[in-house]
Amino acid sequence: MGHPTKDSLNKMWRFVKGFAEKSGTTFHPNPGVTEAVVSGLAAHVDELGKPLCPCNFYLDKQAEAKLRRWICACDEMQIYKYCHCLLFVREDGMPITEYLPEDHEGRQVYGLITDPTPDKGRALRHKASHYGSLSQPDDTGATARLKQAAKP
């Protein structure tokens, strides 16, 4: 991923600032985390025309960009108010996990972290029962093959 243009960086900063306000979240307390994610989003805008999440690995970025789920603000953020990039978090830097399914990796890693602003965000909350636990993109079944291989 190359360096983003100033125009794309400015566009993404405007977006993330507005989205943080709208969703009742803040940026990570370590500015380096926020800057890295915003820079990655802006680079994807230049490369793909869309702010594809820079925190995932994609076998085919072009194909993934055609889907909605990992375009910032991603489905996990819109449905569960959970940002795996740690861009949109609570003031203490922790991601909100309160609305995640119990088997979601975010809930398993961080435990239950409550939402200090439950009246904001989660524009797609009505899709929570439809999505269940969203999974990370992987290399076409490698995760399933690893889980199968690990069974006794």
Protein backbone atom coordinates (compact mmCIF):
# COMPACT_ATOMS: atom_id res chain seq x y z
CA MET A 1 0.00 0.00 0.00
CA GLY A 2 1.48 3.31 -1.06
CA HIS A 3 1.24 6.74 0.50
CA PRO A 4 -2.19 8.32 0.14
CA THR A 5 -2.81 11.63 -1.56
CA LYS A 6 -3.46 14.69 0.56
CA ASP A 7 -6.98 14.89 -0.87
CA SER A 8 -7.83 11.32 0.19
CA LEU A 9 -6.30 11.86 3.63
CA ASN A 10 -8.38 15.01 4.14
CA LYS A 11 -11.50 13.20 2.95
CA MET A 12 -10.93 10.31 5.36
CA TRP A 13 -10.17 12.59 8.31
CA ARG A 14 -13.45 14.43 7.71
CA PHE A 15 -15.29 11.12 7.52
CA VAL A 16 -13.79 9.51 10.63
CA LYS A 17 -14.25 12.65 12.73
CA GLY A 18 -17.90 12.85 11.72
CA PHE A 19 -18.47 9.14 12.22
CA ALA A 20 -16.87 9.15 15.68
CA GLU A 21 -19.20 11.95 16.72
CA LYS A 22 -22.24 10.26 15.20
CA SER A 23 -21.44 6.87 16.75
CA GLY A 24 -20.52 8.16 20.19
CA THR A 25 -16.97 6.84 20.00
CA THR A 26 -13.54 8.44 20.18
CA PHE A 27 -10.24 7.78 18.47
CA HIS A 28 -7.67 5.50 20.04
CA PRO A 29 -5.67 7.36 22.71
CA ASN A 30 -2.45 6.47 20.87
CA PRO A 31 -2.43 8.87 17.89
CA GLY A 32 -0.19 6.48 15.95
CA VAL A 33 -2.98 3.89 15.83
CA THR A 34 -5.48 6.41 14.50
CA GLU A 35 -3.06 7.89 11.96
CA ALA A 36 -2.07 4.46 10.63
CA VAL A 37 -5.68 3.35 10.12
CA VAL A 38 -6.76 6.65 8.52
CA SER A 39 -3.72 6.57 6.24
CA GLY A 40 -4.56 2.99 5.21
CA LEU A 41 -8.17 3.92 4.51
CA ALA A 42 -7.05 6.90 2.40
CA ALA A 43 -4.57 4.74 0.47
CA HIS A 44 -7.39 2.32 -0.34
CA VAL A 45 -9.53 5.23 -1.54
CA ASP A 46 -6.72 6.11 -3.96
CA GLU A 47 -6.17 2.50 -5.02
CA LEU A 48 -9.74 1.13 -5.05
CA GLY A 49 -12.04 4.14 -4.91
CA LYS A 50 -13.41 2.99 -1.54
CA PRO A 51 -12.15 3.08 2.06
CA LEU A 52 -11.61 -0.66 2.43
CA CYS A 53 -10.51 -1.61 5.94
CA PRO A 54 -6.69 -1.70 6.01
CA CYS A 55 -6.61 -4.04 9.01
CA ASN A 56 -7.59 -7.17 7.12
CA PHE A 57 -5.75 -9.30 4.58
CA TYR A 58 -7.59 -9.77 1.28
CA LEU A 59 -6.71 -12.22 -1.46
CA ASP A 60 -8.47 -9.92 -3.92
CA LYS A 61 -8.91 -6.32 -2.76
CA GLN A 62 -10.86 -5.36 -5.87
CA ALA A 63 -13.43 -8.09 -5.28
CA GLU A 64 -13.65 -7.28 -1.58
CA ALA A 65 -14.14 -3.58 -2.32
CA LYS A 66 -17.27 -4.49 -4.28
CA LEU A 67 -18.79 -5.88 -1.09
CA ARG A 68 -20.12 -3.64 1.67
CA ARG A 69 -18.93 -5.50 4.76
CA TRP A 70 -15.36 -4.13 5.09
CA ILE A 71 -15.88 -0.62 3.73
CA CYS A 72 -15.38 1.84 6.61
CA ALA A 73 -17.53 2.14 8.64
CA CYS A 74 -17.72 -1.64 8.26
CA ASP A 75 -20.67 -3.88 8.99
CA GLU A 76 -19.24 -4.82 12.39
CA MET A 77 -19.17 -1.15 13.36
CA GLN A 78 -22.61 -0.40 11.90
CA ILE A 79 -24.24 -3.45 13.49
CA TYR A 80 -22.30 -4.11 16.69
CA LYS A 81 -20.40 -0.83 17.28
CA TYR A 82 -17.17 -2.85 17.27
CA CYS A 83 -14.08 -1.61 15.43
CA HIS A 84 -11.42 -4.30 15.16
CA CYS A 85 -8.94 -1.64 13.92
CA LEU A 86 -9.31 0.20 17.23
CA LEU A 87 -10.04 3.41 15.32
CA PHE A 88 -13.48 3.92 16.91
CA VAL A 89 -13.24 3.08 20.60
CA ARG A 90 -14.19 4.24 24.10
CA GLU A 91 -12.17 7.02 25.75
CA ASP A 92 -10.03 4.39 27.50
CA GLY A 93 -8.99 2.95 24.12
CA MET A 94 -11.01 -0.24 24.48
CA PRO A 95 -13.32 -1.45 21.71
CA ILE A 96 -17.01 -1.78 22.52
CA THR A 97 -17.92 -5.47 22.63
CA GLU A 98 -21.27 -5.30 24.44
CA TYR A 99 -23.36 -6.03 21.34
CA LEU A 100 -21.13 -8.72 19.80
CA PRO A 101 -22.23 -12.36 19.76
CA GLU A 102 -20.52 -14.25 22.58
CA ASP A 103 -18.54 -16.41 20.12
CA HIS A 104 -17.09 -13.40 18.24
CA GLU A 105 -13.31 -13.10 18.48
CA GLY A 106 -13.60 -9.53 19.82
CA ARG A 107 -15.74 -10.69 22.71
CA GLN A 108 -13.42 -13.61 23.38
CA VAL A 109 -10.28 -11.44 23.36
CA TYR A 110 -11.51 -8.34 25.21
CA GLY A 111 -14.43 -9.72 27.21
CA LEU A 112 -17.56 -7.65 27.78
CA ILE A 113 -16.84 -3.95 27.31
CA THR A 114 -19.88 -1.76 27.71
CA ASP A 115 -21.00 1.07 25.49
CA PRO A 116 -20.84 4.45 27.26
CA THR A 117 -23.13 6.01 24.62
CA PRO A 118 -25.81 3.40 23.83
CA ASP A 119 -28.07 6.06 22.30
CA LYS A 120 -25.58 6.65 19.46
CA GLY A 121 -24.39 4.50 16.57
CA ARG A 122 -25.40 1.02 15.37
CA ALA A 123 -27.35 2.24 12.35
CA LEU A 124 -27.67 -1.37 11.12
CA ARG A 125 -28.47 -2.94 14.52
CA HIS A 126 -31.55 -4.56 12.97
CA LYS A 127 -29.21 -6.85 11.01
CA ALA A 128 -27.57 -8.30 14.12
CA SER A 129 -29.69 -11.46 14.19
CA HIS A 130 -29.18 -11.94 10.44
CA TYR A 131 -25.40 -11.68 10.59
CA GLY A 132 -24.74 -13.57 13.80
CA SER A 133 -20.98 -13.61 14.13
CA LEU A 134 -19.22 -11.94 11.22
CA SER A 135 -16.01 -13.63 10.24
CA GLN A 136 -12.80 -12.13 9.03
CA PRO A 137 -11.96 -12.54 5.35
CA ASP A 138 -9.63 -15.45 4.87
CA ASP A 139 -7.97 -17.33 2.07
CA THR A 140 -11.02 -19.18 0.79
CA GLY A 141 -11.49 -21.70 3.51
CA ALA A 142 -8.11 -21.85 5.22
CA THR A 143 -9.68 -21.10 8.57
CA ALA A 144 -12.22 -23.89 8.16
CA ARG A 145 -9.48 -26.30 7.06
CA LEU A 146 -7.37 -25.41 10.12
CA LYS A 147 -10.31 -25.93 12.46
CA GLN A 148 -11.06 -29.28 10.80
CA ALA A 149 -7.42 -30.36 11.04
CA ALA A 150 -7.34 -29.45 14.75
CA LYS A 151 -10.23 -31.78 15.57
CA PRO A 152 -9.15 -35.05 17.26
